[in-house]
N, C-alpha and C. Protein backbone atom coordinates (compact mmCIF):
# COMPACT_ATOMS: atom_id res chain seq x y z
N MET A 1 75.74 130.51 114.06
CA MET A 1 77.02 130.95 113.23
C MET A 1 76.45 131.22 111.87
N ALA A 2 76.51 132.27 111.47
CA ALA A 2 75.87 132.44 109.69
C ALA A 2 76.98 132.89 108.86
N LEU A 3 77.44 132.16 108.12
CA LEU A 3 78.60 132.22 107.14
C LEU A 3 77.91 133.02 105.75
N THR A 4 78.54 134.13 105.28
CA THR A 4 78.45 134.81 104.00
C THR A 4 79.48 135.02 103.34
N GLU A 5 79.04 134.96 102.07
CA GLU A 5 80.21 135.25 100.80
C GLU A 5 79.98 136.81 100.12
N GLN A 6 81.23 137.05 99.96
CA GLN A 6 80.82 138.39 99.07
C GLN A 6 82.24 138.60 98.21
N ARG A 7 81.98 139.44 97.07
CA ARG A 7 83.17 139.68 96.48
C ARG A 7 83.54 141.16 96.50
N VAL A 8 84.92 141.51 96.52
CA VAL A 8 85.08 142.76 96.89
C VAL A 8 86.16 143.25 95.93
N LEU A 9 85.61 144.34 95.31
CA LEU A 9 86.52 145.00 94.40
C LEU A 9 87.90 145.53 94.81
N LYS A 10 89.04 145.34 94.78
CA LYS A 10 90.16 145.71 95.38
C LYS A 10 90.76 146.72 94.32
N GLN A 11 91.09 146.81 93.24
CA GLN A 11 91.70 147.49 92.18
C GLN A 11 91.38 147.42 90.90
N VAL A 12 91.10 148.52 90.19
CA VAL A 12 91.03 148.53 89.05
C VAL A 12 91.88 149.51 88.21
N THR A 13 92.60 148.96 87.23
CA THR A 13 93.60 149.49 86.39
C THR A 13 93.22 149.60 85.02
N ILE A 14 93.53 150.89 84.44
CA ILE A 14 93.12 150.78 83.33
C ILE A 14 94.21 151.20 82.36
N LEU A 15 94.16 150.24 80.95
CA LEU A 15 95.70 150.14 80.28
C LEU A 15 95.17 150.51 78.99
N PRO A 16 94.98 152.02 78.90
CA PRO A 16 94.95 152.71 77.40
C PRO A 16 95.61 152.28 76.45
N GLN A 17 96.83 151.91 76.84
CA GLN A 17 98.05 151.50 75.68
C GLN A 17 97.08 150.06 75.06
N SER A 18 96.81 149.26 75.58
CA SER A 18 96.21 147.97 75.02
C SER A 18 94.95 147.80 74.93
N ASN A 19 94.38 149.10 75.20
CA ASN A 19 92.65 149.27 75.62
C ASN A 19 91.98 148.06 76.12
N SER A 20 92.74 147.95 77.38
CA SER A 20 92.34 146.92 78.22
C SER A 20 92.06 147.50 79.85
N ILE A 21 91.17 146.65 80.40
CA ILE A 21 91.25 147.16 82.08
C ILE A 21 91.65 145.58 82.54
N GLN A 22 92.53 145.78 83.97
CA GLN A 22 92.78 144.64 84.63
C GLN A 22 92.13 145.33 85.90
N VAL A 23 91.33 143.97 86.61
CA VAL A 23 90.70 144.07 87.72
C VAL A 23 91.16 142.72 88.60
N GLN A 24 91.17 143.21 90.09
CA GLN A 24 91.47 142.81 91.01
C GLN A 24 90.40 142.62 92.06
N TRP A 25 90.19 141.45 92.76
CA TRP A 25 89.15 141.52 93.57
C TRP A 25 89.48 140.14 94.25
N ALA A 26 88.55 140.28 95.77
CA ALA A 26 88.74 139.16 96.75
C ALA A 26 87.50 138.47 97.26
N ASP A 27 87.30 137.37 97.03
CA ASP A 27 86.00 136.47 97.04
C ASP A 27 86.53 136.29 98.68
N GLN A 28 85.66 136.77 99.69
CA GLN A 28 85.57 136.54 100.90
C GLN A 28 84.50 135.62 101.73
N ILE A 29 84.90 135.05 102.73
CA ILE A 29 83.84 134.29 103.60
C ILE A 29 84.02 134.99 104.96
N LEU A 30 82.58 135.39 105.27
CA LEU A 30 82.49 135.80 106.73
C LEU A 30 81.77 135.06 107.56
N ARG A 31 82.26 134.76 108.99
CA ARG A 31 81.20 134.13 109.86
C ARG A 31 80.96 135.23 110.89
N ASP A 32 79.65 135.62 111.28
CA ASP A 32 78.86 136.53 112.08
C ASP A 32 79.44 137.79 111.73
N GLY A 33 80.13 138.24 110.29
CA GLY A 33 80.56 139.57 110.10
C GLY A 33 81.90 139.61 110.23
N GLU A 34 82.81 138.58 110.49
CA GLU A 34 84.38 138.63 110.91
C GLU A 34 84.75 137.56 109.71
N LEU A 35 85.85 138.09 108.91
CA LEU A 35 86.48 137.68 107.92
C LEU A 35 87.35 136.36 108.31
N VAL A 36 86.90 135.11 107.73
CA VAL A 36 87.45 133.97 108.09
C VAL A 36 88.48 133.40 106.92
N SER A 37 88.23 133.95 105.48
CA SER A 37 88.82 133.53 104.42
C SER A 37 88.79 134.81 103.34
N GLU A 38 90.16 134.75 102.57
CA GLU A 38 90.10 135.67 101.87
C GLU A 38 90.94 135.17 100.58
N ASN A 39 90.27 134.91 99.13
CA ASN A 39 90.99 134.38 98.18
C ASN A 39 90.89 135.58 97.01
N PHE A 40 92.28 135.88 96.36
CA PHE A 40 92.45 136.90 95.55
C PHE A 40 92.48 136.37 94.15
N HIS A 41 91.86 137.27 92.99
CA HIS A 41 92.02 136.90 91.65
C HIS A 41 92.42 138.14 91.09
N ARG A 42 92.61 138.17 89.68
CA ARG A 42 93.09 139.17 88.92
C ARG A 42 92.54 138.46 87.58
N SER A 43 92.00 139.56 86.68
CA SER A 43 91.36 139.41 85.42
C SER A 43 91.64 140.73 84.64
N ALA A 44 91.89 140.23 83.12
CA ALA A 44 92.01 141.39 82.30
C ALA A 44 90.83 141.35 81.22
N TYR A 45 90.54 142.47 80.72
CA TYR A 45 89.27 142.52 79.91
C TYR A 45 89.65 143.77 78.73
N GLY A 46 89.55 143.05 77.63
CA GLY A 46 89.71 143.70 76.16
C GLY A 46 88.46 144.66 76.00
N GLN A 47 88.08 145.15 74.82
CA GLN A 47 87.08 145.80 74.54
C GLN A 47 85.76 144.91 73.92
N ASP A 48 86.40 143.67 73.57
CA ASP A 48 85.67 142.56 72.88
C ASP A 48 84.89 141.79 74.02
N GLN A 49 85.49 141.90 75.25
CA GLN A 49 84.95 141.36 76.60
C GLN A 49 84.18 142.21 77.32
N LYS A 50 83.99 143.56 76.88
CA LYS A 50 82.88 144.30 77.57
C LYS A 50 81.81 143.74 78.10
N ASP A 51 81.27 142.88 77.72
CA ASP A 51 79.60 142.65 78.10
C ASP A 51 80.19 141.53 79.34
N ALA A 52 80.88 140.72 79.32
CA ALA A 52 81.47 139.70 80.40
C ALA A 52 81.92 140.96 81.61
N PHE A 53 82.80 141.89 81.28
CA PHE A 53 83.37 142.92 82.25
C PHE A 53 82.22 143.55 82.97
N VAL A 54 81.19 144.26 82.34
CA VAL A 54 80.06 144.77 82.97
C VAL A 54 79.07 143.68 83.84
N SER A 55 79.07 142.28 83.36
CA SER A 55 78.18 141.42 84.09
C SER A 55 78.95 140.60 85.40
N GLU A 56 80.16 140.92 85.26
CA GLU A 56 81.05 139.92 86.59
C GLU A 56 81.76 141.14 87.52
N VAL A 57 81.71 142.50 87.02
CA VAL A 57 82.57 143.42 88.22
C VAL A 57 81.60 144.63 88.33
N ASP A 58 81.29 144.63 89.83
CA ASP A 58 80.33 145.64 90.02
C ASP A 58 80.36 147.12 89.80
N ASP A 59 80.02 147.67 89.47
CA ASP A 59 79.95 149.19 89.20
C ASP A 59 81.00 149.63 88.26
N ALA A 60 81.14 148.66 87.00
CA ALA A 60 82.15 148.80 85.95
C ALA A 60 81.77 149.54 84.75
N LEU A 61 80.41 150.21 84.64
CA LEU A 61 80.02 151.12 83.85
C LEU A 61 81.14 152.40 83.65
N PRO A 62 81.35 153.00 84.74
CA PRO A 62 82.30 154.29 84.84
C PRO A 62 83.45 153.94 84.08
N TYR A 63 84.10 152.72 84.29
CA TYR A 63 85.42 152.30 83.67
C TYR A 63 85.24 152.08 82.42
N VAL A 64 83.93 151.86 81.94
CA VAL A 64 83.63 151.35 80.22
C VAL A 64 83.60 153.08 79.74
N ALA A 65 82.90 153.57 80.41
CA ALA A 65 83.09 155.23 79.73
C ALA A 65 84.11 155.98 79.60
N ILE A 66 85.10 155.65 80.54
CA ILE A 66 86.40 156.21 80.63
C ILE A 66 87.02 155.77 79.29
N MET A 67 87.06 154.63 79.23
CA MET A 67 87.65 153.51 78.19
C MET A 67 87.25 154.05 76.81
N GLY A 68 85.90 154.58 76.63
CA GLY A 68 85.34 154.87 75.39
C GLY A 68 84.69 153.72 74.55
N TRP A 69 84.42 152.56 75.43
CA TRP A 69 83.70 151.16 74.86
C TRP A 69 82.44 151.60 74.90
């Protein structure tokens, strides 16, 4: 039985009125490819947190471009 972990991006919400981006993701644990555990998380990033957003969120660059960061 092989256990693997993965982070799955669930939702990205662009909040132009506050110049921020809200991200929801799930940390999943799979056993032999079957989901056994899932924990949801949410975080918001402002323009001054661009570097953290890019390093923590897969495929973040298109959202950075949309926001004009």
